[in-house]
Amino acid sequence: MKTIIKTDKAPMPIGPYNQAILVNNTLYASGQIAINPATKQLISGGIEAETKQVMENLAAVLDAASMHFSDVVKCSIFISDMNDFAAINEVYGTYFDDENAPARETVQVAVLPKSVNVEISLIAVA
């Protein structure tokens, strides 16, 4: 059975998709970008600030599904500049411990929605 996960504590979708879909005990969260859900504005202030907002948006989606970062088994990170990898990784790493970090890939892409610098999606299993 498929359950749509929706929370106003993360940005509303900007297209024909949902924030996340829960199937049995597996959550498939759509990519989050650095939009502050309260103001609906893009975060500025550098790649660290953007990454923190992305991770906070993902935390809100996980919370709406009664899950946590400890339940995450896979992340996909899309970045506009591979030179930002270390800074993104530093912020991202504060949400996971090394022992239980999920599988992941990081891919540089030409353009992301709203011309942001980072987008992250995840899969979690309860």
PDB file of N, CA and C in Angstrom:
ATOM      1  N   MET A   1       0.842  -1.185   0.000  1.00  0.00           N
ATOM      2  CA  MET A   1       0.000   0.000   0.000  1.00  0.00           C
ATOM      3  C   MET A   1       0.884   1.245   0.000  1.00  0.00           C
ATOM      4  N   LYS A   2       0.494   2.222  -0.746  1.00  0.00           N
ATOM      5  CA  LYS A   2       1.238   3.469  -0.910  1.00  0.00           C
ATOM      6  C   LYS A   2       0.575   4.578  -0.097  1.00  0.00           C
ATOM      7  N   THR A   3       1.398   5.277   0.712  1.00  0.00           N
ATOM      8  CA  THR A   3       0.912   6.406   1.496  1.00  0.00           C
ATOM      9  C   THR A   3       1.706   7.642   1.102  1.00  0.00           C
ATOM     10  N   ILE A   4       1.002   8.711   0.795  1.00  0.00           N
ATOM     11  CA  ILE A   4       1.664   9.973   0.458  1.00  0.00           C
ATOM     12  C   ILE A   4       2.023  10.687   1.750  1.00  0.00           C
ATOM     13  N   ILE A   5       3.272  11.111   1.855  1.00  0.00           N
ATOM     14  CA  ILE A   5       3.755  11.845   3.020  1.00  0.00           C
ATOM     15  C   ILE A   5       3.825  13.316   2.642  1.00  0.00           C
ATOM     16  N   LYS A   6       3.226  14.141   3.484  1.00  0.00           N
ATOM     17  CA  LYS A   6       3.182  15.586   3.217  1.00  0.00           C
ATOM     18  C   LYS A   6       3.323  16.328   4.529  1.00  0.00           C
ATOM     19  N   THR A   7       4.157  17.368   4.521  1.00  0.00           N
ATOM     20  CA  THR A   7       4.306  18.211   5.710  1.00  0.00           C
ATOM     21  C   THR A   7       4.533  19.654   5.284  1.00  0.00           C
ATOM     22  N   ASP A   8       3.988  20.572   6.051  1.00  0.00           N
ATOM     23  CA  ASP A   8       4.226  21.992   5.765  1.00  0.00           C
ATOM     24  C   ASP A   8       5.549  22.456   6.383  1.00  0.00           C
ATOM     25  N   LYS A   9       6.268  21.536   7.043  1.00  0.00           N
ATOM     26  CA  LYS A   9       7.575  21.863   7.620  1.00  0.00           C
ATOM     27  C   LYS A   9       8.713  21.652   6.621  1.00  0.00           C
ATOM     28  N   ALA A  10       8.347  21.258   5.417  1.00  0.00           N
ATOM     29  CA  ALA A  10       9.282  21.157   4.294  1.00  0.00           C
ATOM     30  C   ALA A  10       8.606  21.857   3.113  1.00  0.00           C
ATOM     31  N   PRO A  11       9.397  22.307   2.137  1.00  0.00           N
ATOM     32  CA  PRO A  11       8.797  23.016   0.996  1.00  0.00           C
ATOM     33  C   PRO A  11       7.793  22.145   0.249  1.00  0.00           C
ATOM     34  N   MET A  12       6.730  22.768  -0.207  1.00  0.00           N
ATOM     35  CA  MET A  12       5.749  22.073  -1.024  1.00  0.00           C
ATOM     36  C   MET A  12       6.369  21.782  -2.396  1.00  0.00           C
ATOM     37  N   PRO A  13       5.971  20.694  -3.014  1.00  0.00           N
ATOM     38  CA  PRO A  13       6.506  20.370  -4.341  1.00  0.00           C
ATOM     39  C   PRO A  13       6.277  21.510  -5.337  1.00  0.00           C
ATOM     40  N   ILE A  14       7.229  21.642  -6.261  1.00  0.00           N
ATOM     41  CA  ILE A  14       7.115  22.680  -7.293  1.00  0.00           C
ATOM     42  C   ILE A  14       6.777  22.050  -8.645  1.00  0.00           C
ATOM     43  N   GLY A  15       6.204  20.861  -8.601  1.00  0.00           N
ATOM     44  CA  GLY A  15       5.825  20.144  -9.812  1.00  0.00           C
ATOM     45  C   GLY A  15       4.905  18.991  -9.457  1.00  0.00           C
ATOM     46  N   PRO A  16       4.637  18.121 -10.422  1.00  0.00           N
ATOM     47  CA  PRO A  16       3.713  17.003 -10.191  1.00  0.00           C
ATOM     48  C   PRO A  16       4.391  15.823  -9.476  1.00  0.00           C
ATOM     49  N   TYR A  17       4.708  16.010  -8.206  1.00  0.00           N
ATOM     50  CA  TYR A  17       5.300  14.962  -7.383  1.00  0.00           C
ATOM     51  C   TYR A  17       4.949  15.240  -5.932  1.00  0.00           C
ATOM     52  N   ASN A  18       5.239  14.286  -5.058  1.00  0.00           N
ATOM     53  CA  ASN A  18       4.995  14.436  -3.623  1.00  0.00           C
ATOM     54  C   ASN A  18       6.313  14.531  -2.875  1.00  0.00           C
ATOM     55  N   GLN A  19       6.261  15.050  -1.666  1.00  0.00           N
ATOM     56  CA  GLN A  19       7.469  15.146  -0.849  1.00  0.00           C
ATOM     57  C   GLN A  19       8.072  13.770  -0.599  1.00  0.00           C
ATOM     58  N   ALA A  20       7.206  12.787  -0.360  1.00  0.00           N
ATOM     59  CA  ALA A  20       7.678  11.420  -0.147  1.00  0.00           C
ATOM     60  C   ALA A  20       6.521  10.447  -0.306  1.00  0.00           C
ATOM     61  N   ILE A  21       6.888   9.208  -0.574  1.00  0.00           N
ATOM     62  CA  ILE A  21       5.923   8.117  -0.663  1.00  0.00           C
ATOM     63  C   ILE A  21       6.410   7.009   0.266  1.00  0.00           C
ATOM     64  N   LEU A  22       5.508   6.521   1.100  1.00  0.00           N
ATOM     65  CA  LEU A  22       5.807   5.417   1.999  1.00  0.00           C
ATOM     66  C   LEU A  22       5.133   4.169   1.450  1.00  0.00           C
ATOM     67  N   VAL A  23       5.927   3.131   1.201  1.00  0.00           N
ATOM     68  CA  VAL A  23       5.414   1.851   0.740  1.00  0.00           C
ATOM     69  C   VAL A  23       5.881   0.803   1.743  1.00  0.00           C
ATOM     70  N   ASN A  24       4.908   0.187   2.429  1.00  0.00           N
ATOM     71  CA  ASN A  24       5.223  -0.724   3.524  1.00  0.00           C
ATOM     72  C   ASN A  24       6.106   0.023   4.516  1.00  0.00           C
ATOM     73  N   ASN A  25       7.319  -0.398   4.751  1.00  0.00           N
ATOM     74  CA  ASN A  25       8.200   0.278   5.705  1.00  0.00           C
ATOM     75  C   ASN A  25       9.288   1.094   5.026  1.00  0.00           C
ATOM     76  N   THR A  26       9.146   1.325   3.722  1.00  0.00           N
ATOM     77  CA  THR A  26      10.182   2.033   2.969  1.00  0.00           C
ATOM     78  C   THR A  26       9.677   3.399   2.523  1.00  0.00           C
ATOM     79  N   LEU A  27      10.468   4.426   2.837  1.00  0.00           N
ATOM     80  CA  LEU A  27      10.147   5.795   2.468  1.00  0.00           C
ATOM     81  C   LEU A  27      11.038   6.222   1.313  1.00  0.00           C
ATOM     82  N   TYR A  28      10.421   6.750   0.265  1.00  0.00           N
ATOM     83  CA  TYR A  28      11.130   7.298  -0.883  1.00  0.00           C
ATOM     84  C   TYR A  28      10.893   8.809  -0.865  1.00  0.00           C
ATOM     85  N   ALA A  29      11.899   9.561  -0.449  1.00  0.00           N
ATOM     86  CA  ALA A  29      11.754  11.015  -0.330  1.00  0.00           C
ATOM     87  C   ALA A  29      12.277  11.694  -1.583  1.00  0.00           C
ATOM     88  N   SER A  30      11.486  12.586  -2.119  1.00  0.00           N
ATOM     89  CA  SER A  30      11.899  13.371  -3.282  1.00  0.00           C
ATOM     90  C   SER A  30      13.050  14.285  -2.915  1.00  0.00           C
ATOM     91  N   GLY A  31      13.776  14.722  -3.918  1.00  0.00           N
ATOM     92  CA  GLY A  31      14.884  15.630  -3.697  1.00  0.00           C
ATOM     93  C   GLY A  31      14.430  16.917  -3.049  1.00  0.00           C
ATOM     94  N   GLN A  32      15.199  17.361  -2.086  1.00  0.00           N
ATOM     95  CA  GLN A  32      14.939  18.637  -1.421  1.00  0.00           C
ATOM     96  C   GLN A  32      16.013  19.629  -1.823  1.00  0.00           C
ATOM     97  N   ILE A  33      15.591  20.866  -1.989  1.00  0.00           N
ATOM     98  CA  ILE A  33      16.518  21.955  -2.260  1.00  0.00           C
ATOM     99  C   ILE A  33      16.423  22.956  -1.114  1.00  0.00           C
ATOM    100  N   ALA A  34      17.230  23.988  -1.143  1.00  0.00           N
ATOM    101  CA  ALA A  34      17.362  24.912  -0.015  1.00  0.00           C
ATOM    102  C   ALA A  34      16.287  25.988  -0.002  1.00  0.00           C
ATOM    103  N   ILE A  35      15.053  25.562   0.089  1.00  0.00           N
ATOM    104  CA  ILE A  35      13.940  26.498   0.256  1.00  0.00           C
ATOM    105  C   ILE A  35      13.515  26.449   1.714  1.00  0.00           C
ATOM    106  N   ASN A  36      13.423  27.615   2.331  1.00  0.00           N
ATOM    107  CA  ASN A  36      12.904  27.707   3.692  1.00  0.00           C
ATOM    108  C   ASN A  36      11.389  27.540   3.610  1.00  0.00           C
ATOM    109  N   PRO A  37      10.810  26.506   4.245  1.00  0.00           N
ATOM    110  CA  PRO A  37       9.366  26.284   4.104  1.00  0.00           C
ATOM    111  C   PRO A  37       8.519  27.389   4.722  1.00  0.00           C
ATOM    112  N   ALA A  38       9.049  28.105   5.708  1.00  0.00           N
ATOM    113  CA  ALA A  38       8.283  29.172   6.352  1.00  0.00           C
ATOM    114  C   ALA A  38       8.164  30.395   5.449  1.00  0.00           C
ATOM    115  N   THR A  39       9.260  30.738   4.787  1.00  0.00           N
ATOM    116  CA  THR A  39       9.266  31.947   3.948  1.00  0.00           C
ATOM    117  C   THR A  39       9.059  31.647   2.472  1.00  0.00           C
ATOM    118  N   LYS A  40       9.235  30.369   2.101  1.00  0.00           N
ATOM    119  CA  LYS A  40       9.158  29.937   0.702  1.00  0.00           C
ATOM    120  C   LYS A  40      10.246  30.575  -0.169  1.00  0.00           C
ATOM    121  N   GLN A  41      11.312  31.025   0.482  1.00  0.00           N
ATOM    122  CA  GLN A  41      12.423  31.666  -0.216  1.00  0.00           C
ATOM    123  C   GLN A  41      13.640  30.743  -0.212  1.00  0.00           C
ATOM    124  N   LEU A  42      14.441  30.877  -1.282  1.00  0.00           N
ATOM    125  CA  LEU A  42      15.695  30.149  -1.337  1.00  0.00           C
ATOM    126  C   LEU A  42      16.655  30.694  -0.292  1.00  0.00           C
ATOM    127  N   ILE A  43      17.400  29.803   0.321  1.00  0.00           N
ATOM    128  CA  ILE A  43      18.417  30.187   1.293  1.00  0.00           C
ATOM    129  C   ILE A  43      19.648  30.672   0.543  1.00  0.00           C
ATOM    130  N   SER A  44      20.223  31.747   1.018  1.00  0.00           N
ATOM    131  CA  SER A  44      21.502  32.201   0.473  1.00  0.00           C
ATOM    132  C   SER A  44      22.504  32.150   1.620  1.00  0.00           C
ATOM    133  N   GLY A  45      23.736  32.489   1.341  1.00  0.00           N
ATOM    134  CA  GLY A  45      24.728  32.487   2.404  1.00  0.00           C
ATOM    135  C   GLY A  45      25.772  31.413   2.239  1.00  0.00           C
ATOM    136  N   GLY A  46      25.816  30.808   1.070  1.00  0.00           N
ATOM    137  CA  GLY A  46      26.862  29.838   0.805  1.00  0.00           C
ATOM    138  C   GLY A  46      26.372  28.408   0.809  1.00  0.00           C
ATOM    139  N   ILE A  47      27.246  27.521   0.349  1.00  0.00           N
ATOM    140  CA  ILE A  47      26.882  26.113   0.179  1.00  0.00           C
ATOM    141  C   ILE A  47      26.598  25.432   1.507  1.00  0.00           C
ATOM    142  N   GLU A  48      27.266  25.844   2.575  1.00  0.00           N
ATOM    143  CA  GLU A  48      26.997  25.238   3.881  1.00  0.00           C
ATOM    144  C   GLU A  48      25.577  25.543   4.338  1.00  0.00           C
ATOM    145  N   ALA A  49      25.151  26.786   4.194  1.00  0.00           N
ATOM    146  CA  ALA A  49      23.793  27.180   4.588  1.00  0.00           C
ATOM    147  C   ALA A  49      22.753  26.462   3.725  1.00  0.00           C
ATOM    148  N   GLU A  50      23.033  26.349   2.431  1.00  0.00           N
ATOM    149  CA  GLU A  50      22.104  25.634   1.538  1.00  0.00           C
ATOM    150  C   GLU A  50      21.984  24.175   1.956  1.00  0.00           C
ATOM    151  N   THR A  51      23.121  23.535   2.207  1.00  0.00           N
ATOM    152  CA  THR A  51      23.108  22.117   2.564  1.00  0.00           C
ATOM    153  C   THR A  51      22.377  21.902   3.881  1.00  0.00           C
ATOM    154  N   LYS A  52      22.601  22.771   4.849  1.00  0.00           N
ATOM    155  CA  LYS A  52      21.900  22.650   6.138  1.00  0.00           C
ATOM    156  C   LYS A  52      20.393  22.739   5.938  1.00  0.00           C
ATOM    157  N   GLN A  53      19.923  23.675   5.104  1.00  0.00           N
ATOM    158  CA  GLN A  53      18.480  23.797   4.860  1.00  0.00           C
ATOM    159  C   GLN A  53      17.942  22.548   4.164  1.00  0.00           C
ATOM    160  N   VAL A  54      18.682  22.027   3.199  1.00  0.00           N
ATOM    161  CA  VAL A  54      18.269  20.792   2.523  1.00  0.00           C
ATOM    162  C   VAL A  54      18.115  19.666   3.543  1.00  0.00           C
ATOM    163  N   MET A  55      19.094  19.513   4.419  1.00  0.00           N
ATOM    164  CA  MET A  55      19.042  18.438   5.413  1.00  0.00           C
ATOM    165  C   MET A  55      17.909  18.655   6.417  1.00  0.00           C
ATOM    166  N   GLU A  56      17.640  19.899   6.781  1.00  0.00           N
ATOM    167  CA  GLU A  56      16.517  20.187   7.677  1.00  0.00           C
ATOM    168  C   GLU A  56      15.185  19.885   6.989  1.00  0.00           C
ATOM    169  N   ASN A  57      15.089  20.160   5.701  1.00  0.00           N
ATOM    170  CA  ASN A  57      13.880  19.820   4.946  1.00  0.00           C
ATOM    171  C   ASN A  57      13.685  18.307   4.922  1.00  0.00           C
ATOM    172  N   LEU A  58      14.768  17.565   4.692  1.00  0.00           N
ATOM    173  CA  LEU A  58      14.685  16.103   4.709  1.00  0.00           C
ATOM    174  C   LEU A  58      14.312  15.598   6.102  1.00  0.00           C
ATOM    175  N   ALA A  59      14.837  16.228   7.145  1.00  0.00           N
ATOM    176  CA  ALA A  59      14.484  15.849   8.514  1.00  0.00           C
ATOM    177  C   ALA A  59      12.986  16.002   8.747  1.00  0.00           C
ATOM    178  N   ALA A  60      12.403  17.067   8.220  1.00  0.00           N
ATOM    179  CA  ALA A  60      10.962  17.302   8.377  1.00  0.00           C
ATOM    180  C   ALA A  60      10.149  16.233   7.651  1.00  0.00           C
ATOM    181  N   VAL A  61      10.600  15.839   6.471  1.00  0.00           N
ATOM    182  CA  VAL A  61       9.904  14.783   5.723  1.00  0.00           C
ATOM    183  C   VAL A  61      10.026  13.451   6.468  1.00  0.00           C
ATOM    184  N   LEU A  62      11.224  13.143   6.949  1.00  0.00           N
ATOM    185  CA  LEU A  62      11.402  11.928   7.744  1.00  0.00           C
ATOM    186  C   LEU A  62      10.493  11.944   8.964  1.00  0.00           C
ATOM    187  N   ASP A  63      10.438  13.068   9.671  1.00  0.00           N
ATOM    188  CA  ASP A  63       9.605  13.196  10.861  1.00  0.00           C
ATOM    189  C   ASP A  63       8.124  12.974  10.530  1.00  0.00           C
ATOM    190  N   ALA A  64       7.687  13.495   9.387  1.00  0.00           N
ATOM    191  CA  ALA A  64       6.286  13.320   8.977  1.00  0.00           C
ATOM    192  C   ALA A  64       5.951  11.852   8.739  1.00  0.00           C
ATOM    193  N   ALA A  65       6.967  11.058   8.439  1.00  0.00           N
ATOM    194  CA  ALA A  65       6.788   9.616   8.237  1.00  0.00           C
ATOM    195  C   ALA A  65       7.153   8.830   9.496  1.00  0.00           C
ATOM    196  N   SER A  66       7.357   9.534  10.617  1.00  0.00           N
ATOM    197  CA  SER A  66       7.772   8.914  11.888  1.00  0.00           C
ATOM    198  C   SER A  66       9.092   8.171  11.743  1.00  0.00           C
ATOM    199  N   MET A  67      10.023   8.786  11.002  1.00  0.00           N
ATOM    200  CA  MET A  67      11.350   8.210  10.803  1.00  0.00           C
ATOM    201  C   MET A  67      12.411   9.235  11.175  1.00  0.00           C
ATOM    202  N   HIS A  68      13.665   8.775  11.169  1.00  0.00           N
ATOM    203  CA  HIS A  68      14.807   9.601  11.530  1.00  0.00           C
ATOM    204  C   HIS A  68      15.956   9.317  10.569  1.00  0.00           C
ATOM    205  N   PHE A  69      17.004  10.106  10.650  1.00  0.00           N
ATOM    206  CA  PHE A  69      18.169   9.871   9.798  1.00  0.00           C
ATOM    207  C   PHE A  69      18.783   8.494  10.052  1.00  0.00           C
ATOM    208  N   SER A  70      18.598   7.940  11.225  1.00  0.00           N
ATOM    209  CA  SER A  70      19.120   6.599  11.507  1.00  0.00           C
ATOM    210  C   SER A  70      18.418   5.525  10.675  1.00  0.00           C
ATOM    211  N   ASP A  71      17.257   5.851  10.098  1.00  0.00           N
ATOM    212  CA  ASP A  71      16.515   4.915   9.240  1.00  0.00           C
ATOM    213  C   ASP A  71      16.937   5.011   7.776  1.00  0.00           C
ATOM    214  N   VAL A  72      17.739   5.997   7.421  1.00  0.00           N
ATOM    215  CA  VAL A  72      18.104   6.235   6.015  1.00  0.00           C
ATOM    216  C   VAL A  72      19.102   5.174   5.557  1.00  0.00           C
ATOM    217  N   VAL A  73      18.798   4.568   4.394  1.00  0.00           N
ATOM    218  CA  VAL A  73      19.677   3.544   3.832  1.00  0.00           C
ATOM    219  C   VAL A  73      20.373   4.004   2.555  1.00  0.00           C
ATOM    220  N   LYS A  74      19.867   5.071   1.918  1.00  0.00           N
ATOM    221  CA  LYS A  74      20.453   5.520   0.651  1.00  0.00           C
ATOM    222  C   LYS A  74      20.165   6.994   0.455  1.00  0.00           C
ATOM    223  N   CYS A  75      21.175   7.750   0.051  1.00  0.00           N
ATOM    224  CA  CYS A  75      21.018   9.153  -0.325  1.00  0.00           C
ATOM    225  C   CYS A  75      21.599   9.363  -1.712  1.00  0.00           C
ATOM    226  N   SER A  76      21.014  10.283  -2.421  1.00  0.00           N
ATOM    227  CA  SER A  76      21.553  10.737  -3.704  1.00  0.00           C
ATOM    228  C   SER A  76      21.764  12.236  -3.591  1.00  0.00           C
ATOM    229  N   ILE A  77      22.983  12.668  -3.874  1.00  0.00           N
ATOM    230  CA  ILE A  77      23.325  14.088  -3.789  1.00  0.00           C
ATOM    231  C   ILE A  77      23.659  14.584  -5.188  1.00  0.00           C
ATOM    232  N   PHE A  78      22.995  15.643  -5.575  1.00  0.00           N
ATOM    233  CA  PHE A  78      23.233  16.277  -6.869  1.00  0.00           C
ATOM    234  C   PHE A  78      23.782  17.666  -6.604  1.00  0.00           C
ATOM    235  N   ILE A  79      24.934  17.982  -7.188  1.00  0.00           N
ATOM    236  CA  ILE A  79      25.565  19.273  -6.944  1.00  0.00           C
ATOM    237  C   ILE A  79      25.936  19.933  -8.265  1.00  0.00           C
ATOM    238  N   SER A  80      25.947  21.249  -8.244  1.00  0.00           N
ATOM    239  CA  SER A  80      26.258  21.996  -9.469  1.00  0.00           C
ATOM    240  C   SER A  80      27.754  22.177  -9.676  1.00  0.00           C
ATOM    241  N   ASP A  81      28.540  21.979  -8.593  1.00  0.00           N
ATOM    242  CA  ASP A  81      29.988  22.180  -8.697  1.00  0.00           C
ATOM    243  C   ASP A  81      30.697  21.199  -7.763  1.00  0.00           C
ATOM    244  N   MET A  82      31.443  20.277  -8.327  1.00  0.00           N
ATOM    245  CA  MET A  82      32.135  19.269  -7.524  1.00  0.00           C
ATOM    246  C   MET A  82      33.142  19.889  -6.553  1.00  0.00           C
ATOM    247  N   ASN A  83      33.530  21.135  -6.797  1.00  0.00           N
ATOM    248  CA  ASN A  83      34.413  21.824  -5.859  1.00  0.00           C
ATOM    249  C   ASN A  83      33.737  22.083  -4.511  1.00  0.00           C
ATOM    250  N   ASP A  84      32.398  21.981  -4.458  1.00  0.00           N
ATOM    251  CA  ASP A  84      31.652  22.157  -3.207  1.00  0.00           C
ATOM    252  C   ASP A  84      31.518  20.862  -2.420  1.00  0.00           C
ATOM    253  N   PHE A  85      32.047  19.768  -2.966  1.00  0.00           N
ATOM    254  CA  PHE A  85      31.873  18.445  -2.353  1.00  0.00           C
ATOM    255  C   PHE A  85      32.282  18.417  -0.887  1.00  0.00           C
ATOM    256  N   ALA A  86      33.457  18.905  -0.561  1.00  0.00           N
ATOM    257  CA  ALA A  86      33.955  18.833   0.822  1.00  0.00           C
ATOM    258  C   ALA A  86      33.058  19.611   1.783  1.00  0.00           C
ATOM    259  N   ALA A  87      32.622  20.792   1.394  1.00  0.00           N
ATOM    260  CA  ALA A  87      31.768  21.608   2.268  1.00  0.00           C
ATOM    261  C   ALA A  87      30.397  20.949   2.461  1.00  0.00           C
ATOM    262  N   ILE A  88      29.845  20.414   1.388  1.00  0.00           N
ATOM    263  CA  ILE A  88      28.560  19.704   1.481  1.00  0.00           C
ATOM    264  C   ILE A  88      28.721  18.492   2.390  1.00  0.00           C
ATOM    265  N   ASN A  89      29.781  17.742   2.167  1.00  0.00           N
ATOM    266  CA  ASN A  89      30.030  16.524   2.931  1.00  0.00           C
ATOM    267  C   ASN A  89      30.171  16.820   4.425  1.00  0.00           C
ATOM    268  N   GLU A  90      30.795  17.937   4.757  1.00  0.00           N
ATOM    269  CA  GLU A  90      30.976  18.303   6.165  1.00  0.00           C
ATOM    270  C   GLU A  90      29.633  18.528   6.848  1.00  0.00           C
ATOM    271  N   VAL A  91      28.734  19.274   6.207  1.00  0.00           N
ATOM    272  CA  VAL A  91      27.403  19.520   6.789  1.00  0.00           C
ATOM    273  C   VAL A  91      26.598  18.229   6.799  1.00  0.00           C
ATOM    274  N   TYR A  92      26.558  17.531   5.676  1.00  0.00           N
ATOM    275  CA  TYR A  92      25.821  16.270   5.544  1.00  0.00           C
ATOM    276  C   TYR A  92      26.241  15.294   6.643  1.00  0.00           C
ATOM    277  N   GLY A  93      27.537  15.219   6.898  1.00  0.00           N
ATOM    278  CA  GLY A  93      28.064  14.279   7.876  1.00  0.00           C
ATOM    279  C   GLY A  93      27.597  14.517   9.292  1.00  0.00           C
ATOM    280  N   THR A  94      27.134  15.725   9.613  1.00  0.00           N
ATOM    281  CA  THR A  94      26.652  15.995  10.966  1.00  0.00           C
ATOM    282  C   THR A  94      25.293  15.339  11.234  1.00  0.00           C
ATOM    283  N   TYR A  95      24.629  14.863  10.196  1.00  0.00           N
ATOM    284  CA  TYR A  95      23.316  14.229  10.343  1.00  0.00           C
ATOM    285  C   TYR A  95      23.406  12.708  10.458  1.00  0.00           C
ATOM    286  N   PHE A  96      24.595  12.153  10.243  1.00  0.00           N
ATOM    287  CA  PHE A  96      24.798  10.707  10.296  1.00  0.00           C
ATOM    288  C   PHE A  96      26.044  10.405  11.116  1.00  0.00           C
ATOM    289  N   ASP A  97      26.053   9.235  11.767  1.00  0.00           N
ATOM    290  CA  ASP A  97      27.302   8.804  12.380  1.00  0.00           C
ATOM    291  C   ASP A  97      27.999   7.859  11.401  1.00  0.00           C
ATOM    292  N   ASP A  98      29.306   7.811  11.480  1.00  0.00           N
ATOM    293  CA  ASP A  98      30.096   7.029  10.520  1.00  0.00           C
ATOM    294  C   ASP A  98      29.702   5.561  10.487  1.00  0.00           C
ATOM    295  N   GLU A  99      29.360   5.012  11.623  1.00  0.00           N
ATOM    296  CA  GLU A  99      29.042   3.588  11.705  1.00  0.00           C
ATOM    297  C   GLU A  99      27.750   3.233  10.970  1.00  0.00           C
ATOM    298  N   ASN A 100      26.774   4.135  10.982  1.00  0.00           N
ATOM    299  CA  ASN A 100      25.472   3.843  10.382  1.00  0.00           C
ATOM    300  C   ASN A 100      25.142   4.733   9.186  1.00  0.00           C
ATOM    301  N   ALA A 101      26.153   5.344   8.598  1.00  0.00           N
ATOM    302  CA  ALA A 101      25.907   6.215   7.437  1.00  0.00           C
ATOM    303  C   ALA A 101      25.314   5.394   6.292  1.00  0.00           C
ATOM    304  N   PRO A 102      24.419   6.000   5.514  1.00  0.00           N
ATOM    305  CA  PRO A 102      23.783   5.266   4.418  1.00  0.00           C
ATOM    306  C   PRO A 102      24.705   5.118   3.208  1.00  0.00           C
ATOM    307  N   ALA A 103      24.292   4.279   2.280  1.00  0.00           N
ATOM    308  CA  ALA A 103      24.929   4.246   0.963  1.00  0.00           C
ATOM    309  C   ALA A 103      24.597   5.565   0.273  1.00  0.00           C
ATOM    310  N   ARG A 104      25.431   5.951  -0.707  1.00  0.00           N
ATOM    311  CA  ARG A 104      25.183   7.248  -1.330  1.00  0.00           C
ATOM    312  C   ARG A 104      25.994   7.392  -2.605  1.00  0.00           C
ATOM    313  N   GLU A 105      25.515   8.276  -3.469  1.00  0.00           N
ATOM    314  CA  GLU A 105      26.318   8.751  -4.587  1.00  0.00           C
ATOM    315  C   GLU A 105      26.198  10.260  -4.642  1.00  0.00           C
ATOM    316  N   THR A 106      27.244  10.874  -5.182  1.00  0.00           N
ATOM    317  CA  THR A 106      27.253  12.319  -5.383  1.00  0.00           C
ATOM    318  C   THR A 106      27.579  12.560  -6.848  1.00  0.00           C
ATOM    319  N   VAL A 107      26.720  13.325  -7.507  1.00  0.00           N
ATOM    320  CA  VAL A 107      26.844  13.539  -8.939  1.00  0.00           C
ATOM    321  C   VAL A 107      26.816  15.030  -9.242  1.00  0.00           C
ATOM    322  N   GLN A 108      27.741  15.488 -10.052  1.00  0.00           N
ATOM    323  CA  GLN A 108      27.695  16.876 -10.528  1.00  0.00           C
ATOM    324  C   GLN A 108      26.765  16.932 -11.730  1.00  0.00           C
ATOM    325  N   VAL A 109      25.872  17.916 -11.721  1.00  0.00           N
ATOM    326  CA  VAL A 109      24.914  18.102 -12.809  1.00  0.00           C
ATOM    327  C   VAL A 109      25.040  19.515 -13.363  1.00  0.00           C
ATOM    328  N   ALA A 110      24.513  19.725 -14.550  1.00  0.00           N
ATOM    329  CA  ALA A 110      24.634  21.025 -15.203  1.00  0.00           C
ATOM    330  C   ALA A 110      23.777  22.095 -14.514  1.00  0.00           C
ATOM    331  N   VAL A 111      22.521  21.754 -14.207  1.00  0.00           N
ATOM    332  CA  VAL A 111      21.599  22.726 -13.618  1.00  0.00           C
ATOM    333  C   VAL A 111      20.630  21.978 -12.705  1.00  0.00           C
ATOM    334  N   LEU A 112      20.325  22.584 -11.573  1.00  0.00           N
ATOM    335  CA  LEU A 112      19.327  22.048 -10.651  1.00  0.00           C
ATOM    336  C   LEU A 112      18.119  22.983 -10.620  1.00  0.00           C
ATOM    337  N   PRO A 113      16.967  22.502 -10.104  1.00  0.00           N
ATOM    338  CA  PRO A 113      15.787  23.366 -10.033  1.00  0.00           C
ATOM    339  C   PRO A 113      16.092  24.690  -9.333  1.00  0.00           C
ATOM    340  N   LYS A 114      15.562  25.745  -9.866  1.00  0.00           N
ATOM    341  CA  LYS A 114      15.737  27.096  -9.328  1.00  0.00           C
ATOM    342  C   LYS A 114      17.208  27.512  -9.256  1.00  0.00           C
ATOM    343  N   SER A 115      18.050  26.819 -10.026  1.00  0.00           N
ATOM    344  CA  SER A 115      19.495  27.092 -10.095  1.00  0.00           C
ATOM    345  C   SER A 115      20.191  26.998  -8.737  1.00  0.00           C
ATOM    346  N   VAL A 116      19.705  26.103  -7.871  1.00  0.00           N
ATOM    347  CA  VAL A 116      20.360  25.896  -6.585  1.00  0.00           C
ATOM    348  C   VAL A 116      21.673  25.147  -6.788  1.00  0.00           C
ATOM    349  N   ASN A 117      22.445  25.023  -5.722  1.00  0.00           N
ATOM    350  CA  ASN A 117      23.748  24.369  -5.799  1.00  0.00           C
ATOM    351  C   ASN A 117      23.745  22.926  -5.321  1.00  0.00           C
ATOM    352  N   VAL A 118      22.694  22.517  -4.589  1.00  0.00           N
ATOM    353  CA  VAL A 118      22.649  21.152  -4.054  1.00  0.00           C
ATOM    354  C   VAL A 118      21.194  20.690  -3.925  1.00  0.00           C
ATOM    355  N   GLU A 119      20.984  19.411  -4.234  1.00  0.00           N
ATOM    356  CA  GLU A 119      19.696  18.749  -4.040  1.00  0.00           C
ATOM    357  C   GLU A 119      19.997  17.351  -3.517  1.00  0.00           C
ATOM    358  N   ILE A 120      19.232  16.919  -2.519  1.00  0.00           N
ATOM    359  CA  ILE A 120      19.452  15.595  -1.926  1.00  0.00           C
ATOM    360  C   ILE A 120      18.114  14.873  -1.804  1.00  0.00           C
ATOM    361  N   SER A 121      18.110  13.606  -2.211  1.00  0.00           N
ATOM    362  CA  SER A 121      16.954  12.728  -2.008  1.00  0.00           C
ATOM    363  C   SER A 121      17.406  11.558  -1.152  1.00  0.00           C
ATOM    364  N   LEU A 122      16.442  10.794  -0.625  1.00  0.00           N
ATOM    365  CA  LEU A 122      16.815   9.671   0.219  1.00  0.00           C
ATOM    366  C   LEU A 122      15.777   8.567   0.204  1.00  0.00           C
ATOM    367  N   ILE A 123      16.233   7.400   0.660  1.00  0.00           N
ATOM    368  CA  ILE A 123      15.378   6.244   0.900  1.00  0.00           C
ATOM    369  C   ILE A 123      15.637   5.833   2.344  1.00  0.00           C
ATOM    370  N   ALA A 124      14.562   5.577   3.084  1.00  0.00           N
ATOM    371  CA  ALA A 124      14.678   5.170   4.481  1.00  0.00           C
ATOM    372  C   ALA A 124      13.799   3.935   4.712  1.00  0.00           C
ATOM    373  N   VAL A 125      14.229   3.086   5.637  1.00  0.00           N
ATOM    374  CA  VAL A 125      13.488   1.890   5.967  1.00  0.00           C
ATOM    375  C   VAL A 125      13.321   1.819   7.483  1.00  0.00           C
ATOM    376  N   ALA A 126      12.084   1.683   7.918  1.00  0.00           N
ATOM    377  CA  ALA A 126      11.802   1.606   9.361  1.00  0.00           C
ATOM    378  C   ALA A 126      11.954   0.185   9.857  1.00  0.00           C
TER     379      ALA A 126
END
